[in-house]
Protein backbone atom coordinates (compact mmCIF):
# COMPACT_ATOMS: atom_id res chain seq x y z
CA MET A 1 1.26 5.18 10.46
CA VAL A 2 -0.80 5.19 6.68
CA ASP A 3 -3.82 4.50 5.76
CA LEU A 4 -3.41 2.47 2.31
CA LYS A 5 -6.98 0.77 2.08
CA GLY A 6 -8.62 4.01 2.25
CA GLN A 7 -6.74 5.12 -0.59
CA TYR A 8 -6.87 2.61 -2.74
CA ALA A 9 -10.75 2.42 -2.12
CA ALA A 10 -10.75 5.78 -3.85
CA ILE A 11 -9.20 4.78 -6.98
CA LYS A 12 -10.21 1.11 -6.98
CA GLU A 13 -11.75 1.44 -10.33
CA ARG A 14 -9.04 2.56 -12.41
CA VAL A 15 -6.35 0.45 -10.32
CA ASP A 16 -8.59 -2.74 -11.30
CA ALA A 17 -8.84 -2.13 -14.67
CA SER A 18 -5.09 -1.22 -15.23
CA ILE A 19 -3.94 -4.28 -13.43
CA GLN A 20 -6.15 -6.19 -15.37
CA GLU A 21 -5.49 -5.16 -18.58
CA VAL A 22 -1.81 -6.13 -17.92
CA ILE A 23 -2.20 -9.20 -17.20
CA GLU A 24 -4.37 -9.81 -20.82
CA THR A 25 -1.90 -8.54 -22.54
CA THR A 26 1.35 -10.50 -20.35
CA ALA A 27 3.43 -7.61 -21.07
CA PHE A 28 5.06 -7.35 -17.73
CA ILE A 29 8.79 -6.21 -18.31
CA ASN A 30 8.89 -2.96 -20.42
CA GLY A 31 5.22 -2.79 -21.38
CA PRO A 32 3.29 0.13 -22.68
CA GLU A 33 2.10 1.14 -19.01
CA VAL A 34 5.89 1.72 -18.00
CA LYS A 35 6.78 3.80 -20.59
CA ALA A 36 3.53 5.83 -20.29
CA PHE A 37 4.44 6.52 -16.69
CA GLN A 38 7.45 7.63 -17.95
CA GLU A 39 6.28 10.23 -19.98
CA GLU A 40 3.59 11.47 -17.73
CA LEU A 41 5.91 11.53 -14.60
CA GLU A 42 8.82 13.75 -16.61
CA SER A 43 5.83 15.69 -17.39
CA TYR A 44 4.62 16.38 -13.71
CA LEU A 45 8.04 17.26 -12.49
CA GLY A 46 9.27 19.07 -15.48
CA VAL A 47 12.71 17.04 -16.50
CA LYS A 48 13.46 15.91 -19.82
CA HIS A 49 14.33 12.22 -18.68
CA VAL A 50 12.56 9.87 -16.33
CA ILE A 51 14.23 6.26 -16.01
CA PRO A 52 12.05 4.00 -14.17
CA CYS A 53 13.52 1.17 -12.15
CA ALA A 54 13.28 -1.42 -9.43
CA ASN A 55 13.26 0.40 -6.63
CA GLY A 56 14.31 3.72 -4.62
CA THR A 57 17.81 2.41 -3.43
CA ASP A 58 18.71 1.14 -6.59
CA ALA A 59 17.68 4.46 -8.16
CA LEU A 60 20.42 6.15 -5.77
CA GLN A 61 22.83 3.39 -7.15
CA ILE A 62 22.17 4.03 -10.23
CA ALA A 63 22.52 7.40 -10.43
CA MET A 64 25.74 6.83 -8.89
CA MET A 65 27.21 4.41 -11.46
CA GLY A 66 25.45 6.85 -13.96
CA LEU A 67 28.23 9.50 -13.03
CA GLY A 68 30.91 7.51 -13.34
CA LEU A 69 32.03 7.87 -9.52
CA LYS A 70 35.24 5.71 -8.77
CA PRO A 71 36.26 4.07 -5.77
CA GLY A 72 37.64 6.07 -3.02
CA ASP A 73 35.92 9.11 -4.32
CA GLU A 74 34.23 11.34 -1.58
CA VAL A 75 30.55 11.49 -1.37
CA ILE A 76 29.31 13.71 1.36
CA THR A 77 25.75 13.20 2.84
CA ALA A 78 23.96 13.68 5.66
CA ASP A 79 24.14 11.53 8.77
CA PHE A 80 20.06 11.83 10.15
CA THR A 81 18.62 9.95 6.94
CA PHE A 82 17.48 6.10 5.96
CA ALA A 83 20.70 3.79 5.82
CA ALA A 84 19.98 3.51 1.81
CA THR A 85 21.14 6.76 0.89
CA VAL A 86 24.98 5.92 2.30
CA GLU A 87 24.33 2.01 1.92
CA VAL A 88 24.72 2.33 -1.56
CA ILE A 89 28.36 4.86 -1.40
CA ALA A 90 29.70 2.09 0.46
CA LEU A 91 28.09 -0.77 -2.11
CA LEU A 92 29.88 0.83 -4.83
CA GLN A 93 33.28 1.38 -3.10
CA LEU A 94 33.06 5.39 -2.42
CA THR A 95 33.98 6.92 0.25
CA PRO A 96 30.66 8.32 2.66
CA VAL A 97 31.56 11.80 4.69
CA LEU A 98 28.23 12.42 6.66
CA VAL A 99 27.71 15.64 8.10
CA ASP A 100 25.22 17.20 10.60
CA VAL A 101 22.34 18.80 9.70
CA ASP A 102 20.15 22.49 10.60
CA PRO A 103 18.96 21.55 13.63
CA VAL A 104 15.26 23.18 12.09
CA ASN A 105 14.78 21.62 9.08
CA PHE A 106 16.64 18.22 9.56
CA ASN A 107 18.33 18.40 6.23
CA ILE A 108 21.74 18.78 5.56
CA ASP A 109 23.70 21.84 7.22
CA ILE A 110 25.05 24.05 4.67
CA ALA A 111 28.40 25.18 6.48
CA ALA A 112 29.19 21.39 8.16
CA LEU A 113 28.71 20.54 4.38
CA GLU A 114 31.14 23.29 2.96
CA LYS A 115 33.75 21.89 5.72
CA ALA A 116 34.15 18.44 4.96
CA ILE A 117 34.86 19.08 1.36
CA THR A 118 37.88 17.74 0.30
CA PRO A 119 40.01 17.40 -3.14
CA LYS A 120 38.70 13.99 -3.21
CA THR A 121 35.08 15.06 -2.84
CA LYS A 122 32.89 14.08 -6.24
CA ALA A 123 29.25 14.52 -5.23
CA ILE A 124 27.02 15.92 -3.08
CA VAL A 125 24.16 13.64 -2.16
CA PRO A 126 21.03 16.18 -0.42
CA VAL A 127 18.09 14.81 1.07
CA HIS A 128 14.89 16.34 0.95
CA LEU A 129 13.94 14.90 4.52
CA PHE A 130 10.75 13.97 5.65
CA GLY A 131 9.10 15.96 2.61
CA LEU A 132 11.22 19.27 3.29
CA ALA A 133 12.99 20.50 -0.08
CA ALA A 134 16.41 21.16 1.02
CA ASN A 135 18.35 24.32 0.59
CA MET A 136 19.12 23.56 -3.10
CA ASP A 137 20.06 27.38 -3.91
CA GLU A 138 23.20 27.02 -1.49
CA ILE A 139 24.21 23.15 -2.50
CA MET A 140 24.40 23.99 -6.25
CA GLU A 141 26.38 27.17 -5.59
CA LEU A 142 28.95 25.06 -3.85
CA ALA A 143 28.89 22.36 -5.74
CA ASP A 144 29.52 24.93 -9.11
CA ARG A 145 32.27 26.14 -7.00
CA HIS A 146 34.27 23.01 -6.30
CA ASN A 147 33.19 20.96 -9.12
CA LEU A 148 30.84 18.25 -7.83
CA TYR A 149 28.24 16.67 -8.67
CA VAL A 150 24.26 16.84 -7.58
CA ILE A 151 22.01 13.93 -6.78
CA GLU A 152 19.24 14.74 -5.21
CA ASP A 153 17.73 11.65 -2.54
CA ASN A 154 13.71 12.73 -3.74
CA ALA A 155 12.50 9.62 -1.81
CA GLN A 156 10.41 11.38 0.58
CA GLY A 157 10.19 14.41 -1.55
CA ILE A 158 8.46 14.01 -4.55
CA GLY A 159 5.75 16.88 -5.45
CA SER A 160 7.84 19.40 -3.33
CA LYS A 161 8.34 22.32 -5.05
CA TYR A 162 12.10 24.54 -4.10
CA THR A 163 11.98 28.45 -4.71
CA SER A 164 14.97 29.62 -5.58
CA LYS A 165 16.70 32.78 -4.34
CA ASP A 166 15.20 34.34 -8.20
CA GLY A 167 11.84 33.16 -7.16
CA THR A 168 11.27 30.28 -10.04
CA LYS A 169 9.79 27.30 -8.42
CA THR A 170 11.28 24.05 -9.48
CA MET A 171 10.01 20.69 -8.46
CA THR A 172 12.71 18.89 -6.60
CA GLY A 173 14.32 15.41 -7.59
CA GLY A 174 15.12 18.03 -11.31
CA ILE A 175 17.42 20.57 -9.21
CA GLY A 176 20.88 18.58 -9.26
CA HIS A 177 22.54 16.88 -12.12
CA VAL A 178 20.45 13.80 -11.52
CA GLY A 179 17.76 12.67 -8.59
CA SER A 180 16.26 9.33 -7.80
CA THR A 181 12.66 8.68 -5.62
CA SER A 182 11.14 5.64 -4.20
CA PHE A 183 7.57 4.05 -5.10
CA PHE A 184 7.66 2.28 -1.44
CA PRO A 185 4.04 1.93 -1.12
CA SER A 186 3.53 4.55 1.93
CA LYS A 187 5.25 6.53 -0.24
CA ASN A 188 3.59 10.10 -1.62
CA LEU A 189 3.71 8.36 -4.33
CA GLY A 190 3.65 4.89 -3.44
CA CYS A 191 2.96 1.61 -5.79
CA TYR A 192 1.52 -1.50 -4.31
CA GLY A 193 5.33 -3.70 -4.28
CA ASP A 194 8.94 -1.89 -4.98
CA GLY A 195 9.52 0.82 -7.39
CA GLY A 196 11.89 3.37 -8.09
CA ALA A 197 12.72 6.43 -10.43
CA ILE A 198 16.05 8.24 -11.52
CA PHE A 199 16.03 12.02 -13.37
CA THR A 200 18.01 14.08 -15.16
CA ASN A 201 17.63 17.01 -17.58
CA ASP A 202 21.56 15.77 -19.31
CA ASP A 203 20.78 13.63 -22.36
CA ASP A 204 23.97 11.69 -22.46
CA LEU A 205 23.61 10.82 -18.69
CA ALA A 206 20.23 9.69 -19.21
CA HIS A 207 21.87 7.21 -22.34
CA THR A 208 23.86 6.17 -19.86
CA LEU A 209 21.44 5.58 -17.37
CA ARG A 210 18.84 3.54 -19.24
CA GLY A 211 21.29 0.88 -20.19
CA ILE A 212 22.42 0.65 -16.89
CA VAL A 213 19.09 -0.36 -15.62
CA ASN A 214 18.56 -3.41 -18.10
CA HIS A 215 21.96 -5.12 -17.56
CA GLY A 216 23.90 -2.89 -19.71
CA MET A 217 22.21 -3.06 -22.82
CA TYR A 218 20.74 -0.67 -25.60
CA ILE A 219 19.98 -3.59 -27.69
CA ARG A 220 19.72 -6.98 -26.73
CA TYR A 221 22.35 -8.89 -25.84
CA HIS A 222 24.91 -5.80 -26.70
CA HIS A 223 26.49 -5.40 -23.13
CA ASP A 224 27.95 -1.49 -23.76
CA VAL A 225 28.43 -0.84 -20.09
CA VAL A 226 28.25 -2.39 -16.86
CA GLY A 227 24.75 -2.65 -15.64
CA VAL A 228 22.70 -4.35 -13.31
CA ASN A 229 18.69 -5.81 -13.39
CA SER A 230 16.49 -3.34 -12.23
CA ARG A 231 13.46 -2.16 -14.15
CA LEU A 232 10.09 -1.10 -12.97
CA ASP A 233 7.30 -3.79 -13.78
CA SER A 234 3.98 -3.07 -15.74
CA ILE A 235 1.69 -3.41 -12.79
CA GLN A 236 3.30 -1.10 -10.59
CA ALA A 237 3.28 1.23 -13.58
CA ALA A 238 -0.41 1.21 -14.14
CA VAL A 239 -0.58 1.97 -10.11
CA LEU A 240 1.59 4.63 -10.14
CA ARG A 241 -0.32 6.06 -13.51
CA ALA A 242 -3.69 5.58 -11.54
CA LYS A 243 -2.15 7.45 -8.45
CA LEU A 244 0.04 10.00 -10.08
CA PRO A 245 -2.72 12.53 -11.45
CA LYS A 246 -4.32 12.62 -7.59
CA LEU A 247 -0.60 13.50 -5.87
CA ASN A 248 -1.00 17.17 -5.86
CA GLU A 249 -4.36 16.53 -4.00
CA TYR A 250 -2.40 13.49 -1.69
CA ASN A 251 0.02 16.11 -0.79
CA THR A 252 -2.60 18.83 -0.32
CA ALA A 253 -4.65 16.67 2.19
CA ARG A 254 -1.15 15.90 3.74
CA ARG A 255 -0.56 19.96 4.02
CA ASN A 256 -4.15 20.03 5.33
CA ALA A 257 -3.65 17.57 8.38
CA ALA A 258 -0.04 19.20 9.20
CA ARG A 259 -1.68 22.31 9.86
CA LYS A 260 -4.34 21.02 12.03
CA TYR A 261 -1.88 18.72 13.76
CA SER A 262 0.11 21.92 13.66
CA ALA A 263 -2.81 24.06 15.29
CA ALA A 264 -3.81 21.94 18.33
CA PHE A 265 -0.12 21.66 19.37
CA ALA A 266 0.43 25.41 19.17
CA GLY A 267 1.30 27.06 22.45
CA VAL A 268 2.65 23.73 24.17
CA GLU A 269 6.39 24.31 25.41
CA GLN A 270 7.03 20.45 24.79
CA ILE A 271 6.54 19.94 21.06
CA VAL A 272 8.40 21.63 18.13
CA THR A 273 6.74 21.42 15.52
CA PRO A 274 7.57 21.10 11.88
CA THR A 275 8.86 24.03 9.59
CA GLY A 276 8.86 25.31 5.66
CA TYR A 277 10.73 27.27 3.79
CA CYS A 278 8.19 30.41 2.88
CA ASN A 279 7.41 34.34 2.74
CA ALA A 280 5.96 33.87 6.19
CA GLY A 281 9.45 32.25 7.60
CA ASN A 282 9.50 29.35 9.58
CA THR A 283 5.33 28.25 9.51
CA ILE A 284 3.13 26.32 7.47
CA CYS A 285 1.48 28.97 5.57
CA ASP A 286 -1.48 28.55 3.02
CA THR A 287 0.63 28.62 0.03
CA CYS A 288 3.57 26.42 1.55
CA ASP A 289 4.33 24.16 -1.82
CA CYS A 290 8.26 23.30 -0.09
CA HIS A 291 6.74 19.96 1.99
CA VAL A 292 4.82 17.57 1.26
CA PHE A 293 5.19 15.72 4.96
CA HIS A 294 6.13 12.54 3.76
CA GLN A 295 6.37 12.38 7.76
CA TYR A 296 5.06 14.41 10.35
CA THR A 297 7.67 14.84 12.81
CA LEU A 298 7.71 16.47 16.18
CA ARG A 299 10.33 17.15 18.48
CA ILE A 300 9.70 16.27 22.15
CA ILE A 301 11.98 18.43 24.40
CA ASN A 302 11.91 18.51 28.40
CA SER A 303 9.54 15.15 27.92
CA ASP A 304 10.32 11.40 27.55
CA ARG A 305 10.03 10.79 24.07
CA ASP A 306 10.44 6.89 24.21
CA ALA A 307 7.67 6.71 27.45
CA LEU A 308 5.41 9.06 24.63
CA VAL A 309 5.98 6.28 22.22
CA LYS A 310 4.95 3.57 24.23
CA HIS A 311 1.98 5.58 25.48
CA LEU A 312 0.70 6.11 22.08
CA ASN A 313 0.65 2.70 21.21
CA ASP A 314 -0.72 1.52 24.46
CA ASN A 315 -3.68 3.85 22.78
CA ASP A 316 -3.07 2.00 19.42
CA ILE A 317 -2.44 5.27 17.92
CA PRO A 318 0.91 4.20 15.28
CA CYS A 319 3.98 6.20 15.50
CA GLY A 320 7.51 6.43 14.52
CA VAL A 321 10.99 6.98 15.11
CA TYR A 322 12.77 8.13 11.91
CA TYR A 323 15.98 7.40 12.88
CA PRO A 324 16.42 5.96 16.20
CA ILE A 325 20.41 5.72 15.92
CA PRO A 326 22.94 8.26 13.76
CA LEU A 327 24.62 6.70 10.69
CA HIS A 328 27.91 7.54 11.67
CA LEU A 329 26.90 5.17 14.73
CA GLN A 330 25.39 2.30 12.90
CA LYS A 331 27.81 -0.52 12.78
CA ALA A 332 28.13 -1.19 8.98
CA TYR A 333 29.31 3.01 8.66
CA ALA A 334 31.40 3.72 11.97
CA ASP A 335 34.35 5.42 10.86
CA SER A 336 37.52 6.76 12.96
CA ARG A 337 37.42 9.66 11.15
CA TYR A 338 34.49 10.98 12.66
CA ASN A 339 34.43 13.38 15.69
CA GLU A 340 31.06 12.61 17.76
CA ALA A 341 31.40 16.95 18.38
CA ASP A 342 30.49 17.40 14.74
CA PHE A 343 27.09 15.50 15.67
CA LYS A 344 25.45 17.19 17.73
CA VAL A 345 22.16 18.00 16.16
CA THR A 346 21.98 14.93 14.83
CA ASN A 347 22.39 13.14 18.43
CA GLN A 348 20.30 15.40 19.69
CA LEU A 349 17.48 14.63 17.43
CA VAL A 350 17.57 10.96 17.95
CA LYS A 351 16.28 11.53 21.33
CA GLU A 352 13.53 13.97 20.59
CA VAL A 353 11.78 13.07 16.89
CA ILE A 354 8.40 11.46 16.91
CA SER A 355 6.60 11.30 13.83
CA LEU A 356 2.28 10.76 14.02
CA PRO A 357 0.13 9.36 11.19
CA MET A 358 0.26 11.42 8.16
CA HIS A 359 -1.74 9.58 4.91
CA THR A 360 -4.49 11.05 2.48
CA GLU A 361 -7.20 9.90 4.31
CA LEU A 362 -6.57 11.68 8.14
CA ASP A 363 -9.79 13.09 9.26
CA ASP A 364 -10.59 15.78 11.73
CA ASP A 365 -11.47 13.29 14.34
CA GLN A 366 -7.99 11.65 14.02
CA ILE A 367 -6.43 14.19 14.39
CA GLU A 368 -8.58 16.18 17.30
CA PHE A 369 -7.95 12.21 19.17
CA ILE A 370 -4.21 11.90 18.52
CA THR A 371 -3.05 15.31 18.91
CA LYS A 372 -4.90 15.38 22.83
CA THR A 373 -3.55 12.01 23.55
CA VAL A 374 -0.42 13.51 22.80
CA ILE A 375 -0.78 16.83 24.79
CA ASP A 376 -2.03 15.03 27.63
CA PHE A 377 0.99 12.72 28.08
CA VAL A 378 3.38 15.76 28.21
CA THR A 379 2.01 18.08 30.14
CA LYS A 380 0.95 15.84 33.11
């Protein structure tokens, strides 16, 4: 699904030298590489504060801790996403409220979101799923109207830009009150282990978050807030510093691969290709920067998705089903409050979606082989 070896080969010299320098200086925790990466990512994202941490799940949890959410507070998020988004809500004894997603872009459905808001609601967690920016104008308007926090789950969307109604473009993760991301190796900006970060433009919140990630300390052995141990180590920061200057290039390569996939699948009635928000409508155009294609995800209709998975595997083509079970049907998050009629889109998507290989090293021969194999199967 990703070619980390090929990507590494292109940046090997810088990565190897940076890792060696960390080892020689022995500044493994909170070293100069972490500080430098923080500042460079702040500049790239256009946010005032980046707080690096140990992984993307921690980033979400720490963001919620920093906002002072209390047990029993309701937090609304999408039913169709990875479990980490709802996992941290439950861990903090908050009340997760899952809602359906839009059938076209797979992001949180705005009408369902608005319907789910109650007096107990304190926060919304939009997920920029598969790398496509969620409808942040509508989400922020709802949040302002109901005095809610917005916590962006940007684990799959780093580098994507949201175009507001007034035409301004803002990097995802920096639109809500606080944003989070993951640097898991397969992400568009991935390290060689685990890593994550939190973003905010709020000075006071940033101060609180910096204490939380480091055992609640601002001065050594002075614990001012309840914290956790969640720090990005210097070796991972060194890897990320090598990759960050190439992130736009990586995302452009993914968009180009997505266009080639979609062109090959055009007119195949059993396949629904991904779409993006742009002036051209629901298409992927040359100037589209709202989607960074962490995944290239199809819907397979009037054909057997699971049989296609087996067929691809039999032909040595990796693929993934993200996600096979809705969160509201997961044993850990099942709740009698949920009504199946409220999850029509998610319940359908889990039967239809399939993600194809998507990475910076995809070449035309690979794309041709993959698309031909898919088309031959669904049209037979």
